[in-house]
């Protein structure tokens, strides 16, 4: 079975080339908060100028905290 998935890929005609930069903070204590910030940069112009296009942050509680039974 083949599924149509137009959401799985996007072509940005204005900024066809770019990259994502990740910044990860694992947190400082067991069971604390871990964060990952992602910024997508477009590569533009003749000399490869970079320009931030989008950013988002993921947050999650660390799995090494105290376990409840």
C-alpha atoms as a PDB file:
ATOM      1  CA  UNK A   1       0.000   0.000   0.000  1.00  0.00           C
ATOM      2  CA  UNK A   2       1.320   3.423  -0.921  1.00  0.00           C
ATOM      3  CA  UNK A   3       0.328   6.429   1.129  1.00  0.00           C
ATOM      4  CA  UNK A   4       0.285   9.921  -0.310  1.00  0.00           C
ATOM      5  CA  UNK A   5       2.336  12.026   2.080  1.00  0.00           C
ATOM      6  CA  UNK A   6       2.630  15.594   0.779  1.00  0.00           C
ATOM      7  CA  UNK A   7       3.607  16.695   4.309  1.00  0.00           C
ATOM      8  CA  UNK A   8       6.780  14.585   4.331  1.00  0.00           C
ATOM      9  CA  UNK A   9       8.870  16.914   2.171  1.00  0.00           C
ATOM     10  CA  UNK A  10       8.838  20.604   1.456  1.00  0.00           C
ATOM     11  CA  UNK A  11      10.676  22.556  -1.217  1.00  0.00           C
ATOM     12  CA  UNK A  12      11.374  26.163  -0.338  1.00  0.00           C
ATOM     13  CA  UNK A  13      11.740  27.934  -3.677  1.00  0.00           C
ATOM     14  CA  UNK A  14      12.939  31.154  -2.010  1.00  0.00           C
ATOM     15  CA  UNK A  15      15.618  29.463   0.162  1.00  0.00           C
ATOM     16  CA  UNK A  16      16.429  26.124  -1.521  1.00  0.00           C
ATOM     17  CA  UNK A  17      19.610  25.477   0.522  1.00  0.00           C
ATOM     18  CA  UNK A  18      20.110  25.568   4.250  1.00  0.00           C
ATOM     19  CA  UNK A  19      21.008  23.689   7.401  1.00  0.00           C
ATOM     20  CA  UNK A  20      19.808  23.173  10.957  1.00  0.00           C
ATOM     21  CA  UNK A  21      21.941  23.941  14.010  1.00  0.00           C
ATOM     22  CA  UNK A  22      21.204  22.135  17.283  1.00  0.00           C
ATOM     23  CA  UNK A  23      22.002  23.277  20.818  1.00  0.00           C
ATOM     24  CA  UNK A  24      21.471  20.655  23.535  1.00  0.00           C
ATOM     25  CA  UNK A  25      21.384  21.228  27.284  1.00  0.00           C
ATOM     26  CA  UNK A  26      21.191  17.845  29.049  1.00  0.00           C
ATOM     27  CA  UNK A  27      20.238  19.448  32.369  1.00  0.00           C
ATOM     28  CA  UNK A  28      22.168  19.489  35.623  1.00  0.00           C
ATOM     29  CA  UNK A  29      20.336  17.080  37.915  1.00  0.00           C
ATOM     30  CA  UNK A  30      18.623  13.683  37.708  1.00  0.00           C
ATOM     31  CA  UNK A  31      14.982  14.084  36.707  1.00  0.00           C
ATOM     32  CA  UNK A  32      15.617  17.691  35.650  1.00  0.00           C
ATOM     33  CA  UNK A  33      14.774  19.308  32.344  1.00  0.00           C
ATOM     34  CA  UNK A  34      16.621  18.599  29.081  1.00  0.00           C
ATOM     35  CA  UNK A  35      16.246  21.102  26.238  1.00  0.00           C
ATOM     36  CA  UNK A  36      17.135  21.044  22.552  1.00  0.00           C
ATOM     37  CA  UNK A  37      16.960  24.272  20.544  1.00  0.00           C
ATOM     38  CA  UNK A  38      16.943  24.051  16.752  1.00  0.00           C
ATOM     39  CA  UNK A  39      17.486  26.912  14.305  1.00  0.00           C
ATOM     40  CA  UNK A  40      17.160  26.499  10.548  1.00  0.00           C
ATOM     41  CA  UNK A  41      19.402  28.787   8.491  1.00  0.00           C
ATOM     42  CA  UNK A  42      18.958  29.555   4.798  1.00  0.00           C
ATOM     43  CA  UNK A  43      22.124  29.924   2.708  1.00  0.00           C
ATOM     44  CA  UNK A  44      21.580  32.885   0.397  1.00  0.00           C
ATOM     45  CA  UNK A  45      23.463  35.110  -2.013  1.00  0.00           C
ATOM     46  CA  UNK A  46      26.598  34.610  -4.041  1.00  0.00           C
ATOM     47  CA  UNK A  47      28.900  34.311  -1.031  1.00  0.00           C
ATOM     48  CA  UNK A  48      26.793  31.968   1.064  1.00  0.00           C
ATOM     49  CA  UNK A  49      25.378  34.448   3.567  1.00  0.00           C
ATOM     50  CA  UNK A  50      23.358  32.628   6.249  1.00  0.00           C
ATOM     51  CA  UNK A  51      20.033  33.887   7.513  1.00  0.00           C
ATOM     52  CA  UNK A  52      17.918  32.362  10.330  1.00  0.00           C
ATOM     53  CA  UNK A  53      14.520  31.280   9.009  1.00  0.00           C
ATOM     54  CA  UNK A  54      12.891  29.279  11.803  1.00  0.00           C
ATOM     55  CA  UNK A  55      13.589  28.161  15.358  1.00  0.00           C
ATOM     56  CA  UNK A  56      11.946  25.914  17.933  1.00  0.00           C
ATOM     57  CA  UNK A  57      12.796  24.342  21.295  1.00  0.00           C
ATOM     58  CA  UNK A  58      11.999  20.844  22.574  1.00  0.00           C
ATOM     59  CA  UNK A  59      11.830  20.213  26.335  1.00  0.00           C
ATOM     60  CA  UNK A  60      11.638  16.925  28.195  1.00  0.00           C
ATOM     61  CA  UNK A  61      12.120  15.661  31.726  1.00  0.00           C
ATOM     62  CA  UNK A  62      15.237  13.523  32.058  1.00  0.00           C
ATOM     63  CA  UNK A  63      14.627   9.791  32.442  1.00  0.00           C
ATOM     64  CA  UNK A  64      17.234   9.304  35.163  1.00  0.00           C
ATOM     65  CA  UNK A  65      15.123  10.759  37.964  1.00  0.00           C
ATOM     66  CA  UNK A  66      13.606   8.932  40.901  1.00  0.00           C
ATOM     67  CA  UNK A  67      11.292   6.097  39.814  1.00  0.00           C
ATOM     68  CA  UNK A  68       7.889   5.713  41.457  1.00  0.00           C
ATOM     69  CA  UNK A  69       6.444   2.268  42.005  1.00  0.00           C
END
